[in-house]
Amino acid sequence: MHKRLKTAEPPDIPGFPKDWRDKIKADLADQLAAGGTLYGIRSDGAYIARTRDGDRVIKMPEREPA
């Protein structure tokens, strides 16, 4: 499997404040602290559910060869 390289941040969006990325990260952290669950897919293809108690990782099912 390829090692994922860190990519450059996307350019700023015209009309958005310069710290919009930090505001989004803070909002997501607040949602976790309030007991919310965030869902996503890691770079290795595993589905994750992140809560304030930690991450729950659910691997994708094996694919049948084509």
PDB file of N, CA and C in Angstrom:
ATOM      1  N   MET A   1       0.844  -1.163   0.000  1.00  0.00           N
ATOM      2  CA  MET A   1       0.000   0.000   0.000  1.00  0.00           C
ATOM      3  C   MET A   1       0.896   1.234   0.000  1.00  0.00           C
ATOM      4  N   HIS A   2       0.487   2.247  -0.717  1.00  0.00           N
ATOM      5  CA  HIS A   2       1.260   3.483  -0.797  1.00  0.00           C
ATOM      6  C   HIS A   2       1.160   4.264   0.501  1.00  0.00           C
ATOM      7  N   LYS A   3       2.264   4.867   0.880  1.00  0.00           N
ATOM      8  CA  LYS A   3       2.244   5.745   2.042  1.00  0.00           C
ATOM      9  C   LYS A   3       1.688   7.090   1.595  1.00  0.00           C
ATOM     10  N   ARG A   4       0.688   7.559   2.294  1.00  0.00           N
ATOM     11  CA  ARG A   4       0.047   8.812   1.913  1.00  0.00           C
ATOM     12  C   ARG A   4       0.913   9.987   2.355  1.00  0.00           C
ATOM     13  N   LEU A   5       1.200  10.854   1.422  1.00  0.00           N
ATOM     14  CA  LEU A   5       1.983  12.037   1.716  1.00  0.00           C
ATOM     15  C   LEU A   5       1.054  13.160   2.137  1.00  0.00           C
ATOM     16  N   LYS A   6       1.548  14.008   3.014  1.00  0.00           N
ATOM     17  CA  LYS A   6       0.751  15.168   3.418  1.00  0.00           C
ATOM     18  C   LYS A   6       0.652  16.111   2.228  1.00  0.00           C
ATOM     19  N   THR A   7      -0.568  16.470   1.901  1.00  0.00           N
ATOM     20  CA  THR A   7      -0.772  17.372   0.776  1.00  0.00           C
ATOM     21  C   THR A   7      -0.821  18.810   1.263  1.00  0.00           C
ATOM     22  N   ALA A   8      -0.617  19.719   0.362  1.00  0.00           N
ATOM     23  CA  ALA A   8      -0.661  21.142   0.698  1.00  0.00           C
ATOM     24  C   ALA A   8      -2.091  21.551   1.026  1.00  0.00           C
ATOM     25  N   GLU A   9      -2.224  22.533   1.876  1.00  0.00           N
ATOM     26  CA  GLU A   9      -3.542  23.067   2.208  1.00  0.00           C
ATOM     27  C   GLU A   9      -4.148  23.712   0.964  1.00  0.00           C
ATOM     28  N   PRO A  10      -5.461  23.605   0.800  1.00  0.00           N
ATOM     29  CA  PRO A  10      -6.078  24.286  -0.334  1.00  0.00           C
ATOM     30  C   PRO A  10      -5.945  25.798  -0.178  1.00  0.00           C
ATOM     31  N   PRO A  11      -6.044  26.522  -1.268  1.00  0.00           N
ATOM     32  CA  PRO A  11      -5.909  27.979  -1.169  1.00  0.00           C
ATOM     33  C   PRO A  11      -7.070  28.587  -0.387  1.00  0.00           C
ATOM     34  N   ASP A  12      -6.841  29.779   0.114  1.00  0.00           N
ATOM     35  CA  ASP A  12      -7.911  30.476   0.816  1.00  0.00           C
ATOM     36  C   ASP A  12      -9.078  30.723  -0.127  1.00  0.00           C
ATOM     37  N   ILE A  13     -10.277  30.759   0.436  1.00  0.00           N
ATOM     38  CA  ILE A  13     -11.489  30.984  -0.337  1.00  0.00           C
ATOM     39  C   ILE A  13     -11.826  32.469  -0.260  1.00  0.00           C
ATOM     40  N   PRO A  14     -11.985  33.122  -1.397  1.00  0.00           N
ATOM     41  CA  PRO A  14     -12.314  34.551  -1.361  1.00  0.00           C
ATOM     42  C   PRO A  14     -13.595  34.798  -0.558  1.00  0.00           C
ATOM     43  N   GLY A  15     -13.548  35.788   0.303  1.00  0.00           N
ATOM     44  CA  GLY A  15     -14.708  36.122   1.122  1.00  0.00           C
ATOM     45  C   GLY A  15     -14.751  35.395   2.454  1.00  0.00           C
ATOM     46  N   PHE A  16     -13.920  34.369   2.633  1.00  0.00           N
ATOM     47  CA  PHE A  16     -13.863  33.636   3.894  1.00  0.00           C
ATOM     48  C   PHE A  16     -12.807  34.285   4.780  1.00  0.00           C
ATOM     49  N   PRO A  17     -12.985  34.232   6.104  1.00  0.00           N
ATOM     50  CA  PRO A  17     -11.935  34.754   6.983  1.00  0.00           C
ATOM     51  C   PRO A  17     -10.677  33.887   6.874  1.00  0.00           C
ATOM     52  N   LYS A  18      -9.523  34.474   7.155  1.00  0.00           N
ATOM     53  CA  LYS A  18      -8.247  33.752   7.029  1.00  0.00           C
ATOM     54  C   LYS A  18      -8.167  32.534   7.946  1.00  0.00           C
ATOM     55  N   ASP A  19      -8.867  32.571   9.084  1.00  0.00           N
ATOM     56  CA  ASP A  19      -8.780  31.466  10.050  1.00  0.00           C
ATOM     57  C   ASP A  19      -9.948  30.487   9.940  1.00  0.00           C
ATOM     58  N   TRP A  20     -10.547  30.350   8.754  1.00  0.00           N
ATOM     59  CA  TRP A  20     -11.720  29.495   8.619  1.00  0.00           C
ATOM     60  C   TRP A  20     -11.409  28.035   8.928  1.00  0.00           C
ATOM     61  N   ARG A  21     -10.207  27.557   8.605  1.00  0.00           N
ATOM     62  CA  ARG A  21      -9.849  26.163   8.906  1.00  0.00           C
ATOM     63  C   ARG A  21      -9.809  25.932  10.418  1.00  0.00           C
ATOM     64  N   ASP A  22      -9.218  26.881  11.135  1.00  0.00           N
ATOM     65  CA  ASP A  22      -9.142  26.762  12.593  1.00  0.00           C
ATOM     66  C   ASP A  22     -10.530  26.797  13.221  1.00  0.00           C
ATOM     67  N   LYS A  23     -11.419  27.609  12.679  1.00  0.00           N
ATOM     68  CA  LYS A  23     -12.789  27.679  13.202  1.00  0.00           C
ATOM     69  C   LYS A  23     -13.529  26.361  12.993  1.00  0.00           C
ATOM     70  N   ILE A  24     -13.325  25.726  11.842  1.00  0.00           N
ATOM     71  CA  ILE A  24     -13.966  24.434  11.577  1.00  0.00           C
ATOM     72  C   ILE A  24     -13.427  23.382  12.535  1.00  0.00           C
ATOM     73  N   LYS A  25     -12.102  23.341  12.725  1.00  0.00           N
ATOM     74  CA  LYS A  25     -11.510  22.374  13.653  1.00  0.00           C
ATOM     75  C   LYS A  25     -12.031  22.583  15.069  1.00  0.00           C
ATOM     76  N   ALA A  26     -12.159  23.837  15.495  1.00  0.00           N
ATOM     77  CA  ALA A  26     -12.679  24.138  16.833  1.00  0.00           C
ATOM     78  C   ALA A  26     -14.139  23.713  16.953  1.00  0.00           C
ATOM     79  N   ASP A  27     -14.927  23.932  15.904  1.00  0.00           N
ATOM     80  CA  ASP A  27     -16.333  23.531  15.923  1.00  0.00           C
ATOM     81  C   ASP A  27     -16.466  22.015  16.037  1.00  0.00           C
ATOM     82  N   LEU A  28     -15.648  21.279  15.297  1.00  0.00           N
ATOM     83  CA  LEU A  28     -15.690  19.817  15.377  1.00  0.00           C
ATOM     84  C   LEU A  28     -15.279  19.337  16.765  1.00  0.00           C
ATOM     85  N   ALA A  29     -14.273  19.950  17.351  1.00  0.00           N
ATOM     86  CA  ALA A  29     -13.850  19.585  18.708  1.00  0.00           C
ATOM     87  C   ALA A  29     -14.967  19.870  19.709  1.00  0.00           C
ATOM     88  N   ASP A  30     -15.680  20.987  19.533  1.00  0.00           N
ATOM     89  CA  ASP A  30     -16.808  21.309  20.414  1.00  0.00           C
ATOM     90  C   ASP A  30     -17.922  20.281  20.284  1.00  0.00           C
ATOM     91  N   GLN A  31     -18.180  19.820  19.065  1.00  0.00           N
ATOM     92  CA  GLN A  31     -19.216  18.805  18.865  1.00  0.00           C
ATOM     93  C   GLN A  31     -18.855  17.509  19.583  1.00  0.00           C
ATOM     94  N   LEU A  32     -17.583  17.112  19.520  1.00  0.00           N
ATOM     95  CA  LEU A  32     -17.144  15.911  20.240  1.00  0.00           C
ATOM     96  C   LEU A  32     -17.302  16.099  21.742  1.00  0.00           C
ATOM     97  N   ALA A  33     -16.887  17.250  22.248  1.00  0.00           N
ATOM     98  CA  ALA A  33     -16.966  17.521  23.686  1.00  0.00           C
ATOM     99  C   ALA A  33     -18.407  17.504  24.170  1.00  0.00           C
ATOM    100  N   ALA A  34     -19.344  17.874  23.308  1.00  0.00           N
ATOM    101  CA  ALA A  34     -20.759  17.894  23.675  1.00  0.00           C
ATOM    102  C   ALA A  34     -21.407  16.517  23.556  1.00  0.00           C
ATOM    103  N   GLY A  35     -20.630  15.496  23.190  1.00  0.00           N
ATOM    104  CA  GLY A  35     -21.169  14.137  23.108  1.00  0.00           C
ATOM    105  C   GLY A  35     -21.553  13.711  21.709  1.00  0.00           C
ATOM    106  N   GLY A  36     -21.195  14.492  20.714  1.00  0.00           N
ATOM    107  CA  GLY A  36     -21.522  14.144  19.332  1.00  0.00           C
ATOM    108  C   GLY A  36     -20.606  13.052  18.795  1.00  0.00           C
ATOM    109  N   THR A  37     -20.957  12.537  17.639  1.00  0.00           N
ATOM    110  CA  THR A  37     -20.158  11.526  16.955  1.00  0.00           C
ATOM    111  C   THR A  37     -19.832  12.039  15.567  1.00  0.00           C
ATOM    112  N   LEU A  38     -18.570  11.965  15.202  1.00  0.00           N
ATOM    113  CA  LEU A  38     -18.131  12.342  13.866  1.00  0.00           C
ATOM    114  C   LEU A  38     -17.779  11.071  13.105  1.00  0.00           C
ATOM    115  N   TYR A  39     -18.195  10.995  11.858  1.00  0.00           N
ATOM    116  CA  TYR A  39     -17.932   9.829  11.032  1.00  0.00           C
ATOM    117  C   TYR A  39     -17.007  10.209   9.891  1.00  0.00           C
ATOM    118  N   GLY A  40     -16.161   9.268   9.482  1.00  0.00           N
ATOM    119  CA  GLY A  40     -15.253   9.550   8.381  1.00  0.00           C
ATOM    120  C   GLY A  40     -14.603   8.282   7.873  1.00  0.00           C
ATOM    121  N   ILE A  41     -13.764   8.453   6.874  1.00  0.00           N
ATOM    122  CA  ILE A  41     -13.022   7.343   6.287  1.00  0.00           C
ATOM    123  C   ILE A  41     -11.545   7.693   6.352  1.00  0.00           C
ATOM    124  N   ARG A  42     -10.760   6.784   6.946  1.00  0.00           N
ATOM    125  CA  ARG A  42      -9.315   6.993   7.019  1.00  0.00           C
ATOM    126  C   ARG A  42      -8.680   6.740   5.663  1.00  0.00           C
ATOM    127  N   SER A  43      -7.417   7.120   5.539  1.00  0.00           N
ATOM    128  CA  SER A  43      -6.705   6.948   4.270  1.00  0.00           C
ATOM    129  C   SER A  43      -6.537   5.476   3.896  1.00  0.00           C
ATOM    130  N   ASP A  44      -6.612   4.563   4.881  1.00  0.00           N
ATOM    131  CA  ASP A  44      -6.490   3.141   4.561  1.00  0.00           C
ATOM    132  C   ASP A  44      -7.825   2.510   4.191  1.00  0.00           C
ATOM    133  N   GLY A  45      -8.884   3.309   4.133  1.00  0.00           N
ATOM    134  CA  GLY A  45     -10.189   2.807   3.715  1.00  0.00           C
ATOM    135  C   GLY A  45     -11.086   2.352   4.844  1.00  0.00           C
ATOM    136  N   ALA A  46     -10.610   2.412   6.081  1.00  0.00           N
ATOM    137  CA  ALA A  46     -11.428   1.989   7.214  1.00  0.00           C
ATOM    138  C   ALA A  46     -12.399   3.107   7.593  1.00  0.00           C
ATOM    139  N   TYR A  47     -13.625   2.705   7.882  1.00  0.00           N
ATOM    140  CA  TYR A  47     -14.606   3.667   8.384  1.00  0.00           C
ATOM    141  C   TYR A  47     -14.352   3.876   9.868  1.00  0.00           C
ATOM    142  N   ILE A  48     -14.462   5.122  10.341  1.00  0.00           N
ATOM    143  CA  ILE A  48     -14.286   5.381  11.765  1.00  0.00           C
ATOM    144  C   ILE A  48     -15.448   6.204  12.294  1.00  0.00           C
ATOM    145  N   ALA A  49     -15.728   6.009  13.563  1.00  0.00           N
ATOM    146  CA  ALA A  49     -16.686   6.830  14.301  1.00  0.00           C
ATOM    147  C   ALA A  49     -15.923   7.378  15.494  1.00  0.00           C
ATOM    148  N   ARG A  50     -15.787   8.691  15.586  1.00  0.00           N
ATOM    149  CA  ARG A  50     -15.014   9.320  16.654  1.00  0.00           C
ATOM    150  C   ARG A  50     -15.975   9.935  17.659  1.00  0.00           C
ATOM    151  N   THR A  51     -15.787   9.584  18.938  1.00  0.00           N
ATOM    152  CA  THR A  51     -16.572  10.159  20.024  1.00  0.00           C
ATOM    153  C   THR A  51     -15.615  10.692  21.074  1.00  0.00           C
ATOM    154  N   ARG A  52     -16.159  11.335  22.093  1.00  0.00           N
ATOM    155  CA  ARG A  52     -15.277  11.854  23.148  1.00  0.00           C
ATOM    156  C   ARG A  52     -14.636  10.722  23.938  1.00  0.00           C
ATOM    157  N   ASP A  53     -15.181   9.506  23.834  1.00  0.00           N
ATOM    158  CA  ASP A  53     -14.613   8.342  24.513  1.00  0.00           C
ATOM    159  C   ASP A  53     -13.550   7.635  23.682  1.00  0.00           C
ATOM    160  N   GLY A  54     -13.351   8.074  22.452  1.00  0.00           N
ATOM    161  CA  GLY A  54     -12.342   7.460  21.599  1.00  0.00           C
ATOM    162  C   GLY A  54     -12.906   7.100  20.238  1.00  0.00           C
ATOM    163  N   ASP A  55     -12.084   6.452  19.442  1.00  0.00           N
ATOM    164  CA  ASP A  55     -12.478   6.071  18.085  1.00  0.00           C
ATOM    165  C   ASP A  55     -12.969   4.637  18.049  1.00  0.00           C
ATOM    166  N   ARG A  56     -13.970   4.413  17.230  1.00  0.00           N
ATOM    167  CA  ARG A  56     -14.411   3.053  16.923  1.00  0.00           C
ATOM    168  C   ARG A  56     -14.105   2.854  15.446  1.00  0.00           C
ATOM    169  N   VAL A  57     -13.330   1.834  15.139  1.00  0.00           N
ATOM    170  CA  VAL A  57     -12.901   1.594  13.768  1.00  0.00           C
ATOM    171  C   VAL A  57     -13.659   0.399  13.215  1.00  0.00           C
ATOM    172  N   ILE A  58     -14.224   0.593  12.030  1.00  0.00           N
ATOM    173  CA  ILE A  58     -14.957  -0.476  11.350  1.00  0.00           C
ATOM    174  C   ILE A  58     -14.301  -0.648   9.992  1.00  0.00           C
ATOM    175  N   LYS A  59     -13.658  -1.774   9.791  1.00  0.00           N
ATOM    176  CA  LYS A  59     -12.969  -2.011   8.520  1.00  0.00           C
ATOM    177  C   LYS A  59     -13.983  -2.255   7.408  1.00  0.00           C
ATOM    178  N   MET A  60     -13.600  -1.881   6.197  1.00  0.00           N
ATOM    179  CA  MET A  60     -14.433  -2.165   5.035  1.00  0.00           C
ATOM    180  C   MET A  60     -14.411  -3.668   4.784  1.00  0.00           C
ATOM    181  N   PRO A  61     -15.512  -4.226   4.291  1.00  0.00           N
ATOM    182  CA  PRO A  61     -15.501  -5.658   3.973  1.00  0.00           C
ATOM    183  C   PRO A  61     -14.524  -5.953   2.842  1.00  0.00           C
ATOM    184  N   GLU A  62     -14.018  -7.161   2.848  1.00  0.00           N
ATOM    185  CA  GLU A  62     -13.102  -7.579   1.788  1.00  0.00           C
ATOM    186  C   GLU A  62     -13.836  -7.556   0.455  1.00  0.00           C
ATOM    187  N   ARG A  63     -13.131  -7.118  -0.571  1.00  0.00           N
ATOM    188  CA  ARG A  63     -13.723  -7.097  -1.910  1.00  0.00           C
ATOM    189  C   ARG A  63     -13.381  -8.385  -2.631  1.00  0.00           C
ATOM    190  N   GLU A  64     -14.330  -8.831  -3.423  1.00  0.00           N
ATOM    191  CA  GLU A  64     -14.094 -10.024  -4.228  1.00  0.00           C
ATOM    192  C   GLU A  64     -13.238  -9.640  -5.429  1.00  0.00           C
ATOM    193  N   PRO A  65     -12.287 -10.500  -5.817  1.00  0.00           N
ATOM    194  CA  PRO A  65     -11.468 -10.182  -6.993  1.00  0.00           C
ATOM    195  C   PRO A  65     -12.341 -10.076  -8.242  1.00  0.00           C
ATOM    196  N   ALA A  66     -11.978  -9.176  -9.127  1.00  0.00           N
ATOM    197  CA  ALA A  66     -12.770  -8.958 -10.352  1.00  0.00           C
ATOM    198  C   ALA A  66     -12.525 -10.034 -11.372  1.00  0.00           C
TER     199      ALA A  66
END
